[in-house]
Amino acid sequence: MQHKYLTPKEVQEIYKINVGTLANWRLYGKGPAYIKVGRLVRYESATMEDFFQKNVVLTSDQPEKPLPSSGQRSA
């Protein structure tokens, strides 16, 4: 399996999350997991997708939790 690593700038372009927001999340230990090698920061694309799936907010007209993308129900 090939891993795709994104720079903060690429994350901003794809997911519309400002690079400053990403930097603040890293500083305060929030947001998606990232990889840091020296001064280089990278986000794995699969990690970004997981981050969004884990942060789904249901409204009052959506009583059930959405199914995981694999199609299996959570217990």
C-alpha atoms as a PDB file:
ATOM      1  CA  MET A   1       0.000   0.000   0.000  1.00  0.00           C
ATOM      2  CA  GLN A   2       1.399   3.365  -1.039  1.00  0.00           C
ATOM      3  CA  HIS A   3       1.131   6.106   1.587  1.00  0.00           C
ATOM      4  CA  LYS A   4       0.428   9.660   0.449  1.00  0.00           C
ATOM      5  CA  TYR A   5       1.963  12.353   2.638  1.00  0.00           C
ATOM      6  CA  LEU A   6       0.747  15.922   2.394  1.00  0.00           C
ATOM      7  CA  THR A   7       2.422  19.183   3.334  1.00  0.00           C
ATOM      8  CA  PRO A   8       0.387  21.660   5.396  1.00  0.00           C
ATOM      9  CA  LYS A   9      -0.011  23.729   2.204  1.00  0.00           C
ATOM     10  CA  GLU A  10      -1.432  20.709   0.361  1.00  0.00           C
ATOM     11  CA  VAL A  11      -3.801  20.018   3.272  1.00  0.00           C
ATOM     12  CA  GLN A  12      -4.969  23.624   3.000  1.00  0.00           C
ATOM     13  CA  GLU A  13      -5.578  23.295  -0.740  1.00  0.00           C
ATOM     14  CA  ILE A  14      -7.409  19.957  -0.510  1.00  0.00           C
ATOM     15  CA  TYR A  15      -9.317  20.273   2.779  1.00  0.00           C
ATOM     16  CA  LYS A  16      -9.574  24.076   3.081  1.00  0.00           C
ATOM     17  CA  ILE A  17      -7.972  24.127   6.545  1.00  0.00           C
ATOM     18  CA  ASN A  18      -5.726  27.148   6.922  1.00  0.00           C
ATOM     19  CA  VAL A  19      -2.029  26.381   7.504  1.00  0.00           C
ATOM     20  CA  GLY A  20      -2.176  28.677  10.549  1.00  0.00           C
ATOM     21  CA  THR A  21      -4.987  26.581  11.996  1.00  0.00           C
ATOM     22  CA  LEU A  22      -2.954  23.423  11.416  1.00  0.00           C
ATOM     23  CA  ALA A  23       0.033  25.053  13.159  1.00  0.00           C
ATOM     24  CA  ASN A  24      -2.150  26.047  16.138  1.00  0.00           C
ATOM     25  CA  TRP A  25      -3.574  22.537  16.380  1.00  0.00           C
ATOM     26  CA  ARG A  26      -0.044  21.098  16.424  1.00  0.00           C
ATOM     27  CA  LEU A  27       1.011  23.583  19.101  1.00  0.00           C
ATOM     28  CA  TYR A  28      -1.927  22.697  21.366  1.00  0.00           C
ATOM     29  CA  GLY A  29      -1.969  18.947  20.626  1.00  0.00           C
ATOM     30  CA  LYS A  30      -5.278  19.049  18.731  1.00  0.00           C
ATOM     31  CA  GLY A  31      -6.305  18.199  15.201  1.00  0.00           C
ATOM     32  CA  PRO A  32      -5.168  15.337  12.999  1.00  0.00           C
ATOM     33  CA  ALA A  33      -2.057  13.289  13.731  1.00  0.00           C
ATOM     34  CA  TYR A  34       1.038  14.362  11.830  1.00  0.00           C
ATOM     35  CA  ILE A  35       4.585  13.269  11.139  1.00  0.00           C
ATOM     36  CA  LYS A  36       7.522  15.506  11.908  1.00  0.00           C
ATOM     37  CA  VAL A  37      11.050  14.860  10.659  1.00  0.00           C
ATOM     38  CA  GLY A  38      13.334  17.704  11.623  1.00  0.00           C
ATOM     39  CA  ARG A  39      11.427  20.796  10.564  1.00  0.00           C
ATOM     40  CA  LEU A  40       9.286  18.999   7.978  1.00  0.00           C
ATOM     41  CA  VAL A  41       5.648  18.389   8.860  1.00  0.00           C
ATOM     42  CA  ARG A  42       3.545  15.931   6.891  1.00  0.00           C
ATOM     43  CA  TYR A  43       0.003  14.618   7.174  1.00  0.00           C
ATOM     44  CA  GLU A  44      -0.940  11.193   5.851  1.00  0.00           C
ATOM     45  CA  SER A  45      -3.959  11.475   3.557  1.00  0.00           C
ATOM     46  CA  ALA A  46      -5.671   8.467   5.205  1.00  0.00           C
ATOM     47  CA  THR A  47      -5.206  10.154   8.599  1.00  0.00           C
ATOM     48  CA  MET A  48      -6.933  13.280   7.303  1.00  0.00           C
ATOM     49  CA  GLU A  49      -9.899  11.210   6.090  1.00  0.00           C
ATOM     50  CA  ASP A  50     -10.095   9.458   9.476  1.00  0.00           C
ATOM     51  CA  PHE A  51      -9.957  12.830  11.243  1.00  0.00           C
ATOM     52  CA  PHE A  52     -13.003  14.032   9.323  1.00  0.00           C
ATOM     53  CA  GLN A  53     -14.921  10.782   9.903  1.00  0.00           C
ATOM     54  CA  LYS A  54     -14.282  10.988  13.656  1.00  0.00           C
ATOM     55  CA  ASN A  55     -15.500  14.592  13.810  1.00  0.00           C
ATOM     56  CA  VAL A  56     -18.924  14.159  12.252  1.00  0.00           C
ATOM     57  CA  VAL A  57     -21.521  16.232  14.091  1.00  0.00           C
ATOM     58  CA  LEU A  58     -25.081  14.920  13.925  1.00  0.00           C
ATOM     59  CA  THR A  59     -28.004  17.307  13.892  1.00  0.00           C
ATOM     60  CA  SER A  60     -31.350  16.673  15.563  1.00  0.00           C
ATOM     61  CA  ASP A  61     -32.859  15.333  12.326  1.00  0.00           C
ATOM     62  CA  GLN A  62     -30.148  12.616  12.093  1.00  0.00           C
ATOM     63  CA  PRO A  63     -30.832  10.277  15.041  1.00  0.00           C
ATOM     64  CA  GLU A  64     -28.444   7.487  14.003  1.00  0.00           C
ATOM     65  CA  LYS A  65     -24.690   7.500  13.842  1.00  0.00           C
ATOM     66  CA  PRO A  66     -23.540   7.251  10.207  1.00  0.00           C
ATOM     67  CA  LEU A  67     -22.089   3.925   9.080  1.00  0.00           C
ATOM     68  CA  PRO A  68     -18.307   3.614   8.902  1.00  0.00           C
ATOM     69  CA  SER A  69     -17.001   3.882   5.346  1.00  0.00           C
ATOM     70  CA  SER A  70     -16.238   0.126   5.357  1.00  0.00           C
ATOM     71  CA  GLY A  71     -19.963  -0.582   5.492  1.00  0.00           C
ATOM     72  CA  GLN A  72     -19.836  -2.330   8.870  1.00  0.00           C
ATOM     73  CA  ARG A  73     -21.878  -1.147  11.806  1.00  0.00           C
ATOM     74  CA  SER A  74     -20.176  -0.184  15.062  1.00  0.00           C
ATOM     75  CA  ALA A  75     -21.304  -1.925  18.232  1.00  0.00           C
END
